[in-house]
Protein backbone atom coordinates (compact mmCIF):
# COMPACT_ATOMS: atom_id res chain seq x y z
CA MET A 1 104.30 105.95 122.84
CA THR A 2 101.91 102.89 123.44
CA TYR A 3 99.61 101.71 126.43
CA SER A 4 98.12 99.25 128.32
CA TYR A 5 95.25 96.98 129.22
CA LEU A 6 94.67 94.05 131.41
CA PRO A 7 90.92 93.09 129.94
CA LYS A 8 89.48 90.43 132.19
CA LEU A 9 89.97 87.47 129.77
CA ASN A 10 91.38 84.07 130.10
CA LEU A 11 91.90 82.61 126.75
CA ASP A 12 92.74 79.29 126.27
CA LEU A 13 96.45 79.89 124.67
CA GLY A 14 97.73 76.39 125.35
CA HIS A 15 98.88 74.26 127.37
CA ALA A 16 102.37 74.96 130.43
CA GLY A 17 103.45 71.49 128.40
CA SER A 18 103.38 73.35 125.18
CA LEU A 19 105.02 76.71 126.06
CA PRO A 20 108.55 78.05 125.69
CA ARG A 21 111.42 77.67 128.11
CA ASN A 22 111.04 80.85 129.75
CA LEU A 23 107.67 80.36 130.53
CA LYS A 24 107.81 76.62 132.20
CA GLY A 25 107.60 76.24 135.69
CA ARG A 26 105.33 80.23 136.43
CA ASP A 27 102.41 79.78 137.37
CA CYS A 28 100.74 78.11 134.19
CA ARG A 29 97.19 80.86 134.42
CA ARG A 30 99.74 83.88 134.91
CA ALA A 31 101.10 82.21 132.00
CA LEU A 32 98.38 82.13 129.58
CA GLU A 33 96.37 85.77 131.26
CA LEU A 34 95.99 87.60 128.21
CA ILE A 35 97.46 91.42 128.64
CA MET A 36 97.66 93.44 125.59
CA GLU A 37 99.91 96.39 124.56
CA PHE A 38 98.40 98.48 121.82
CA SER A 39 100.64 100.36 119.25
CA PHE A 40 98.95 103.91 118.59
CA ASN A 41 98.34 105.89 121.87
CA LYS A 42 95.53 107.96 121.03
CA ALA A 43 91.13 106.29 120.56
CA TYR A 44 89.99 105.28 116.92
CA ARG A 45 86.82 104.44 116.36
CA PHE A 46 85.76 101.59 113.80
CA GLN A 47 82.68 100.17 111.09
CA CYS A 48 83.02 98.22 107.82
CA VAL A 49 82.27 100.64 105.82
CA ARG A 50 82.31 97.51 103.03
CA CYS A 51 84.59 99.12 100.82
CA ALA A 52 86.23 95.42 100.36
CA LYS A 53 89.88 98.00 100.29
CA CYS A 54 91.16 95.03 101.99
CA CYS A 55 90.56 92.90 99.73
CA TYR A 56 93.00 93.72 97.48
CA GLN A 57 96.63 93.40 99.36
CA GLU A 58 99.43 92.80 97.44
CA ALA A 59 99.39 89.51 98.82
CA LEU A 60 97.56 87.21 101.52
CA SER A 61 99.35 85.37 104.41
CA ILE A 62 97.45 82.41 106.06
CA THR A 63 97.93 80.12 108.26
CA GLN A 64 97.77 76.33 108.28
CA ASN A 65 94.13 75.95 109.56
CA ASP A 66 93.00 78.58 106.58
CA TYR A 67 95.04 76.30 104.31
CA ASN A 68 93.23 73.75 105.04
CA ARG A 69 90.06 75.00 105.15
CA LEU A 70 90.03 76.61 101.86
CA ARG A 71 92.73 74.10 99.50
CA GLU A 72 90.54 73.00 97.37
CA LEU A 73 88.85 76.19 96.51
CA LEU A 74 92.15 77.84 95.98
CA GLY A 75 93.31 75.13 93.75
CA SER A 76 90.35 75.19 91.59
CA MET A 77 90.56 78.76 90.73
CA GLY A 78 94.84 77.77 90.54
CA THR A 79 95.83 80.41 92.40
CA LYS A 80 99.15 80.22 93.55
CA VAL A 81 100.23 80.18 97.56
CA ARG A 82 103.65 79.82 98.53
CA LYS A 83 105.39 79.18 102.27
CA ASP A 84 106.28 82.34 103.85
CA SER A 85 108.59 83.08 106.36
CA SER A 86 106.26 85.05 108.72
CA LYS A 87 105.90 83.49 112.92
CA SER A 88 102.24 83.58 112.87
CA TYR A 89 101.20 82.01 109.01
CA LEU A 90 102.88 79.11 106.87
CA TYR A 91 101.85 80.50 103.64
CA GLU A 92 101.12 83.57 101.41
CA MET A 93 98.30 83.51 99.10
CA GLU A 94 99.59 85.49 95.84
CA SER A 95 96.82 88.41 95.04
CA LEU A 96 98.22 91.14 92.61
CA GLY A 97 95.21 92.37 93.02
CA ALA A 98 91.37 91.40 94.25
CA CYS A 99 91.10 88.54 96.44
CA PRO A 100 89.82 85.52 94.32
CA PHE A 101 87.15 85.03 96.66
CA LEU A 102 85.61 88.63 95.96
CA LYS A 103 82.39 88.62 94.36
CA ARG A 104 80.64 91.39 93.32
CA ASP A 105 82.79 93.39 96.49
CA LEU A 106 81.90 90.54 98.75
CA CYS A 107 83.78 87.67 100.23
CA SER A 108 82.08 84.67 98.65
CA VAL A 109 84.34 82.84 101.68
CA TYR A 110 83.22 84.72 104.13
CA SER A 111 81.96 82.11 107.18
CA ARG A 112 85.94 80.18 106.50
CA ARG A 113 87.75 83.77 105.35
CA PRO A 114 90.86 83.18 106.94
CA VAL A 115 92.24 84.80 110.40
CA VAL A 116 93.69 88.08 108.73
CA CYS A 117 90.39 89.19 107.65
CA ARG A 118 88.87 88.22 110.15
CA ALA A 119 90.78 90.45 112.50
CA PHE A 120 90.65 92.97 110.08
CA PRO A 121 91.81 96.16 110.52
CA LEU A 122 94.04 94.36 113.71
CA THR A 123 96.99 92.89 113.38
CA PHE A 124 98.50 90.52 115.76
CA SER A 125 102.88 90.38 116.68
CA PHE A 126 103.29 88.69 121.28
CA LEU A 127 106.44 90.60 122.80
CA PRO A 128 109.05 89.84 124.68
CA ASP A 129 107.14 89.83 128.02
CA GLY A 130 104.15 87.59 127.11
CA GLN A 131 102.28 90.51 125.89
CA LEU A 132 99.89 90.53 122.67
CA TYR A 133 100.79 93.58 121.10
CA VAL A 134 98.18 94.97 118.69
CA ASN A 135 98.56 97.15 115.25
CA LEU A 136 95.22 99.10 114.28
CA ILE A 137 95.31 99.19 109.97
CA HIS A 138 94.42 102.84 108.95
CA CYS A 139 91.37 101.81 106.59
CA LYS A 140 88.43 103.79 105.54
CA GLY A 141 86.48 102.41 108.32
CA ILE A 142 88.55 104.02 111.17
CA GLY A 143 87.96 107.86 112.63
CA LEU A 144 83.90 107.29 112.07
CA ASN A 145 82.05 108.83 114.65
CA ASP A 146 79.35 105.79 114.90
CA GLY A 147 82.10 103.50 114.88
CA LYS A 148 82.63 100.89 117.65
CA ARG A 149 86.43 102.30 120.23
CA VAL A 150 89.20 100.00 119.67
CA ASP A 151 90.31 99.43 123.01
CA GLU A 152 89.72 96.27 124.56
CA SER A 153 86.45 94.76 124.17
CA PHE A 154 86.66 95.19 120.69
CA VAL A 155 89.57 94.16 120.70
CA THR A 156 88.99 90.74 122.92
CA GLU A 157 85.58 90.76 120.38
CA VAL A 158 88.00 90.05 117.59
CA VAL A 159 89.97 87.46 119.29
CA ARG A 160 87.23 85.13 120.46
CA ASP A 161 86.21 85.28 116.91
CA ILE A 162 89.63 83.69 115.58
CA GLN A 163 90.05 81.24 118.68
CA GLU A 164 86.68 79.47 117.39
CA LEU A 165 87.87 79.29 113.21
CA ASP A 166 91.34 79.01 114.47
CA PRO A 167 92.25 77.75 118.92
CA GLU A 168 95.71 76.75 117.33
CA PHE A 169 96.99 80.19 116.57
CA PHE A 170 97.52 82.61 119.11
CA SER A 171 99.09 80.16 120.92
CA THR A 172 101.89 79.29 118.12
CA LEU A 173 102.22 82.81 117.56
CA ARG A 174 103.16 83.80 120.68
CA ASN A 175 105.07 80.44 121.37
CA SER A 176 107.54 81.11 118.32
CA SER A 177 107.05 84.98 118.80
CA MET A 178 108.68 84.37 122.30
CA LEU A 179 111.28 82.16 121.25
CA GLU A 180 112.57 84.60 119.21
CA HIS A 181 112.92 87.37 121.88
CA GLU A 182 115.15 84.58 123.56
CA SER A 183 117.65 85.38 121.17
CA LEU A 184 119.22 89.15 120.86
CA LEU A 185 118.10 91.04 116.97
CA PRO A 186 119.44 92.43 114.56
CA PHE A 187 120.75 95.99 115.16
CA LEU A 188 122.14 97.61 112.09
CA ASP A 189 123.61 94.67 110.17
CA VAL A 190 124.02 90.96 111.29
CA GLY A 191 126.86 92.14 112.68
CA THR A 192 125.28 93.86 115.74
CA VAL A 193 122.64 92.90 117.59
CA ALA A 194 120.79 93.82 120.41
CA ASP A 195 118.04 93.71 122.79
CA PHE A 196 114.20 94.02 121.82
CA GLU A 197 114.16 97.26 123.55
CA SER A 198 116.92 98.91 123.28
CA LYS A 199 115.73 98.72 119.59
CA ARG A 200 112.49 99.73 120.49
CA ILE A 201 114.07 103.14 121.23
CA PHE A 202 116.30 103.96 118.19
CA LEU A 203 112.50 103.72 116.22
CA SER A 204 111.18 105.98 118.38
CA GLU A 205 113.34 108.85 118.05
CA ILE A 206 113.43 108.64 114.07
CA SER A 207 109.88 109.72 114.24
CA GLU A 208 111.18 112.33 116.99
CA TRP A 209 113.60 113.58 114.34
CA LEU A 210 111.04 113.59 111.45
CA SER A 211 109.41 115.99 113.18
CA SER A 212 112.74 118.27 113.33
CA LYS A 213 111.59 122.85 113.30
CA LEU A 214 114.17 122.61 110.07
CA LEU A 215 111.37 119.90 108.15
CA GLU A 216 108.11 122.03 108.95
CA GLY A 217 105.91 122.77 105.62
CA LEU A 218 107.61 120.04 103.68
CA ASN A 219 106.07 117.07 102.30
CA ILE A 220 106.89 113.71 103.85
CA ARG A 221 109.11 112.08 101.11
CA ILE A 222 112.07 115.07 101.28
CA ARG A 223 111.55 114.89 105.48
CA CYS A 224 111.94 110.74 104.85
CA HIS A 225 114.94 111.29 102.65
CA VAL A 226 116.53 114.15 104.01
CA LEU A 227 116.82 112.00 107.52
CA LEU A 228 116.92 108.06 106.12
CA SER A 229 119.79 108.98 104.36
CA ASN A 230 121.36 110.72 106.28
CA ILE A 231 121.02 108.66 109.94
CA LEU A 232 122.52 105.25 108.12
CA PRO A 233 126.05 107.34 108.26
CA LEU A 234 125.39 108.23 110.91
CA LEU A 235 124.70 105.34 113.13
CA GLU A 236 127.79 103.26 111.66
CA HIS A 237 129.70 106.02 112.73
CA GLN A 238 128.79 105.60 115.55
CA ILE A 239 129.34 101.61 115.94
CA GLY A 240 132.74 101.91 114.09
CA ARG A 241 133.60 103.38 116.88
CA ILE A 242 132.66 100.67 119.46
CA ARG A 243 133.46 97.96 117.55
CA ASP A 244 137.08 100.08 117.35
CA SER A 245 136.61 100.06 121.30
CA VAL A 246 136.02 96.69 122.08
CA TRP A 247 137.51 94.01 119.55
CA VAL A 248 135.08 91.25 119.89
CA ARG A 249 134.54 89.07 117.39
CA PRO A 250 130.56 89.19 114.59
CA PRO A 251 128.09 89.78 116.32
CA LEU A 252 129.21 93.25 118.16
CA ILE A 253 126.49 93.10 121.12
CA LEU A 254 124.89 96.27 121.87
CA THR A 255 123.74 96.89 125.21
CA LYS A 256 120.36 99.33 126.56
CA ASP A 257 123.37 101.53 127.77
CA ASP A 258 125.09 101.52 124.19
CA VAL A 259 122.00 102.46 122.44
CA GLU A 260 121.26 105.55 124.09
CA ASN A 261 124.57 106.73 123.64
CA ILE A 262 124.17 106.51 120.26
CA VAL A 263 121.00 107.96 120.42
CA ALA A 264 122.19 111.05 122.27
CA ASP A 265 125.23 111.70 119.59
CA ILE A 266 122.89 112.00 116.35
CA ASP A 267 121.13 114.18 118.95
CA ARG A 268 123.60 116.75 118.98
CA GLU A 269 124.43 116.46 115.30
CA ILE A 270 121.26 115.80 114.25
CA SER A 271 120.46 119.87 113.44
CA SER A 272 122.99 120.66 111.48
CA VAL A 273 123.09 117.37 109.58
CA LEU A 274 119.56 117.98 108.49
CA GLU A 275 120.19 121.66 107.97
CA ARG A 276 123.18 120.20 105.73
CA GLY A 277 120.88 117.66 103.90
CA LEU A 278 118.08 119.80 103.87
CA ASN A 279 119.61 122.09 101.95
CA ASP A 280 121.15 119.99 99.22
CA THR A 281 117.92 118.35 98.88
CA LEU A 282 116.15 121.64 97.64
CA GLU A 283 119.20 122.57 95.81
CA ALA A 284 118.17 119.76 93.73
CA VAL A 285 115.24 119.88 93.40
CA GLU A 286 115.28 123.53 91.95
CA ASP A 287 117.53 122.22 89.77
CA ARG A 288 115.23 118.93 88.22
CA ASN A 289 112.57 121.97 88.25
CA ALA A 290 114.32 124.46 86.47
CA ARG A 291 115.77 121.70 83.94
CA ALA A 292 112.39 120.52 83.38
CA LEU A 293 110.59 123.66 82.37
CA ARG A 294 113.55 124.28 80.45
CA THR A 295 113.08 120.85 77.80
CA ASN A 296 109.48 120.35 78.99
CA GLN A 297 110.79 117.02 80.12
CA THR A 298 112.10 114.85 82.99
CA GLU A 299 112.68 111.95 84.15
CA VAL A 300 110.22 109.45 86.53
CA PHE A 301 110.87 106.79 88.39
CA TRP A 302 107.64 104.89 87.63
CA ASP A 303 105.93 101.55 87.44
CA GLY A 304 109.56 99.79 88.35
CA GLU A 305 111.52 101.62 85.96
CA LEU A 306 113.37 105.15 85.13
CA LYS A 307 111.24 106.74 82.59
CA LYS A 308 111.92 110.11 80.74
CA VAL A 309 109.12 111.76 80.11
CA GLY A 310 107.51 114.90 78.83
CA LEU A 311 105.52 117.54 81.33
CA GLU A 312 102.61 117.14 79.11
CA ASP A 313 102.94 113.05 79.21
CA ASN A 314 99.83 110.95 81.14
CA LEU A 315 100.93 108.72 83.29
CA PRO A 316 99.30 105.92 84.16
CA PHE A 317 97.51 105.76 88.07
CA LYS A 318 96.09 103.15 88.81
CA ASP A 319 94.78 103.24 92.44
CA LEU A 320 93.39 100.10 94.93
CA TYR A 321 91.51 98.81 92.71
CA GLY A 322 92.64 98.42 89.13
CA LYS A 323 91.19 101.34 87.99
CA THR A 324 93.56 103.41 85.56
CA THR A 325 93.76 107.30 85.66
CA HIS A 326 96.06 109.33 83.45
CA VAL A 327 97.88 112.27 85.07
CA LYS A 328 99.96 115.06 83.29
CA VAL A 329 103.33 115.26 84.59
CA LYS A 330 103.81 118.39 85.23
CA GLU A 331 100.81 117.66 87.99
CA LEU A 332 102.92 115.10 90.31
CA ILE A 333 106.78 116.53 89.59
CA PHE A 334 106.37 119.99 91.14
CA GLU A 335 106.12 119.78 94.52
CA LYS A 336 103.33 120.71 96.72
CA SER A 337 103.81 122.45 99.90
CA VAL A 338 101.53 120.76 102.38
CA GLU A 339 98.49 122.05 105.16
CA PRO A 340 99.98 122.13 108.77
CA GLU A 341 96.42 119.17 109.48
CA ALA A 342 98.25 117.08 106.65
CA GLU A 343 101.52 117.61 108.13
CA ARG A 344 100.37 116.09 111.62
CA ILE A 345 98.71 113.21 110.28
CA VAL A 346 101.18 111.65 108.34
CA LEU A 347 104.06 112.38 110.91
CA GLU A 348 101.14 110.75 113.42
CA TYR A 349 101.53 107.90 111.63
CA ILE A 350 104.66 107.15 110.85
CA GLU A 351 105.38 107.39 114.23
CA GLU A 352 102.43 104.80 114.33
CA LEU A 353 104.07 103.54 111.80
CA LEU A 354 107.60 102.40 113.80
CA ASN A 355 105.46 101.48 116.82
CA ARG A 356 104.09 98.81 115.09
CA MET A 357 105.98 94.60 115.11
CA ASP A 358 105.49 92.01 112.05
CA LEU A 359 102.20 92.33 109.43
CA GLY A 360 101.83 95.74 108.90
CA GLY A 361 104.49 96.75 110.01
CA PHE A 362 108.22 96.15 109.97
CA PRO A 363 109.14 92.60 111.50
CA ILE A 364 110.93 92.86 115.21
CA SER A 365 114.16 90.84 113.67
CA GLY A 366 114.45 93.17 110.52
CA PRO A 367 118.52 95.30 110.90
CA LEU A 368 117.79 99.11 110.71
CA ALA A 369 120.19 98.64 107.16
CA VAL A 370 116.57 98.18 105.62
CA ILE A 371 114.30 99.27 107.62
CA LEU A 372 115.59 103.08 107.44
CA PRO A 373 115.47 102.35 103.16
CA SER A 374 112.05 100.59 103.15
CA LEU A 375 110.62 103.61 105.05
CA ASP A 376 111.99 105.45 102.69
CA GLU A 377 110.71 104.36 99.83
CA TYR A 378 107.07 103.68 101.62
CA SER A 379 107.69 107.69 102.11
CA VAL A 380 107.87 108.07 98.09
CA ASN A 381 104.35 106.17 98.04
CA LEU A 382 102.47 108.46 100.57
CA HIS A 383 103.90 111.53 98.86
CA THR A 384 102.46 110.57 95.19
CA TYR A 385 99.27 109.02 96.55
CA SER A 386 98.52 112.61 98.57
CA GLN A 387 99.67 114.82 95.52
CA PHE A 388 97.97 112.71 93.21
CA TYR A 389 94.88 113.32 95.51
CA SER A 390 95.54 117.02 96.23
CA ARG A 391 96.38 117.64 92.11
CA ASP A 392 93.13 120.18 91.65
CA GLN A 393 94.44 121.57 95.56
CA GLU A 394 96.87 124.97 96.19
CA LYS A 395 98.50 122.49 98.41
CA ILE A 396 98.63 119.12 100.06
CA SER A 397 95.47 118.79 101.84
CA SER A 398 94.28 116.53 104.92
CA GLU A 399 91.91 114.64 103.26
CA SER A 400 94.22 113.89 100.20
CA MET A 401 96.54 112.84 103.20
CA GLU A 402 94.92 110.59 104.56
CA ARG A 403 93.28 108.91 102.00
CA ALA A 404 96.65 108.67 100.60
CA ILE A 405 97.16 106.21 104.02
CA GLU A 406 94.03 104.33 103.52
CA ASP A 407 94.93 102.84 100.09
CA LEU A 408 98.72 102.50 101.15
CA ASP A 409 97.73 100.83 104.88
CA THR A 410 95.47 98.88 103.77
CA ARG A 411 97.95 97.39 101.01
CA LEU A 412 99.87 96.29 104.48
CA LEU A 413 102.79 97.54 101.00
CA ILE A 414 105.77 98.44 103.52
CA ASN A 415 105.59 94.93 104.56
CA LYS A 416 105.76 94.45 100.80
CA ILE A 417 109.03 97.11 100.21
CA TYR A 418 109.92 95.39 103.05
CA ARG A 419 110.55 92.36 101.64
CA GLU A 420 112.21 93.11 98.34
CA ASN A 421 114.51 95.46 100.40
CA SER A 422 115.20 92.63 102.10
CA LEU A 423 115.93 89.87 99.44
CA ARG A 424 117.79 92.49 97.33
CA GLN A 425 120.44 93.14 100.08
CA SER A 426 120.82 89.31 100.94
CA SER A 427 121.04 88.92 97.28
CA ALA A 428 124.12 91.15 97.67
CA ARG A 429 126.08 89.91 100.14
């Protein structure tokens, strides 16, 4: 599912004295050798097309050095900057639309632009063994035949560019990541913990279950809802059985064998669970559609609130640039079937999303009780955008699906959804 490169690099990622405890005592040269692992298993090409979509993120994470370089400009613009809980970035600049440095679709601070902009379409994290983990964000420049191949030489060039601007970025990221990996990670919630590899095993299975033949031809919203709403109760049940058998104080430590057994148990039940969940979901959709056609009204969750609307009413649909297009309710609520190629594209994308770590994906320390509902909510956005872009077509096309993915992935919307769900769950405890 992932693949690795060993580039011929000897980057200075820090001195032995500044390394985490689990690296001290090793050969320093070996510890500083940069080994990459990719969250994607496909050969992509990239060429910036100057669409400026990456300048319309929900928020922009910046490092301490970024902040120091741009502090005066940020202050003069009145831009809000808050502390960020991310390991690699200390601040987050709220943009809520166009980046304040974007002028006439060009970056006005290009030579001093933040690390996250310099790295785009890549984001970085580190694995417990010290490998640099590379995520690729899907933007408009991905997949162009005349683009550069996204491989070790591409990443090496980006890494060197970042090091020239911020020499401490990778050493800070590596040290903080590996210190976090010394401890066990929340699994279902803070009451259950497992190691990094066990968590990855479970996340990788989700994309396999989403590809079940029972769900073929369905849009991504129905697929995710049917699976994810039923996985959580199954997972809670399996973990409850383990907890009852060992009688230990929280947190319950799950071994790799425990997680593999949980996956095997869910595997045995998944077909019947999906079949029941699918029948219930499709019946609910049919009831909603029949009621809407009968009354010429329906309810939609739009702009953060539940609204009662008429089928001929117009809803404001904002694109990535903030441009508003008004679309009739009936063009969005009635489910369209999905072209096979569009189905393949979105399933491949979800697989990559589940493999990503941190920026552009889910935090490695994120509990599944937050990750799974966040993915479910994200799938609703994917479906709404793909349905919007297919409103003049009979089916959701591959072009519409790719456009929806580009818009949402470029905005790093998954990180905003995860953060909001995490805060809601924390405040509810």
